[in-house]
């Protein structure tokens, strides 16, 4: 039986210029009702991790969590999946710097305004602030990345920067690291300290 992963692949191919038929067929077969538009795979990892901690099976609920490969693609995805296309409900999560892309994409697609949630800087920043620098550093140690972090912190460009910014930058220095820590940081959260944008997104689904 085909699953939500197949739908995500079909949507990505459609957004890249392929036919929309396969995505439409899968949306009907899987009873997809909501598309969560996220900038990248680390955001997907965090949303999936929080959903799992709360006992939610988003795919079974007809919710598809999508990585668009950058906020500038939101207009394309919103048009394909929202009212002009598959008529799914749209929601999402973005960085403050990309709010304008989401707002424009929502408006052009005729989607409900403000049905997306905004992080102050980005989701990693929200998670680091929620956990605290000391706890995040301990998690880095537990995950076996303390030595790479120490090497990174000795770089001249990192001298004098706030520890929170250093950690946030460190997570982006190796392919796959942001995805990994998107999951790790959410799993370490007290559930009453989930950052508001992430908490609001899950509550709205």
Foldseek 3Di string as FASTA:
>chain_A
DDFLVQLQVLLLCVLVPDDNVVNLVVCVVQVAAEEAEEAALLLVLLLVLLCVVVVHDQSNVNYHYYHPNGLLSLLSSLCCCPDVHNNHAYEYEEEPVSVVSNQVSCVVNVHDGPRYFYDPGGQLLLLCVLQDLVRVQVLCVVVVNNVVLVVQCPDPVNPPDDSSVSVVVSQPPDPPSSNVVSNVSSVPGDPVRRRPRSVVNVVVD
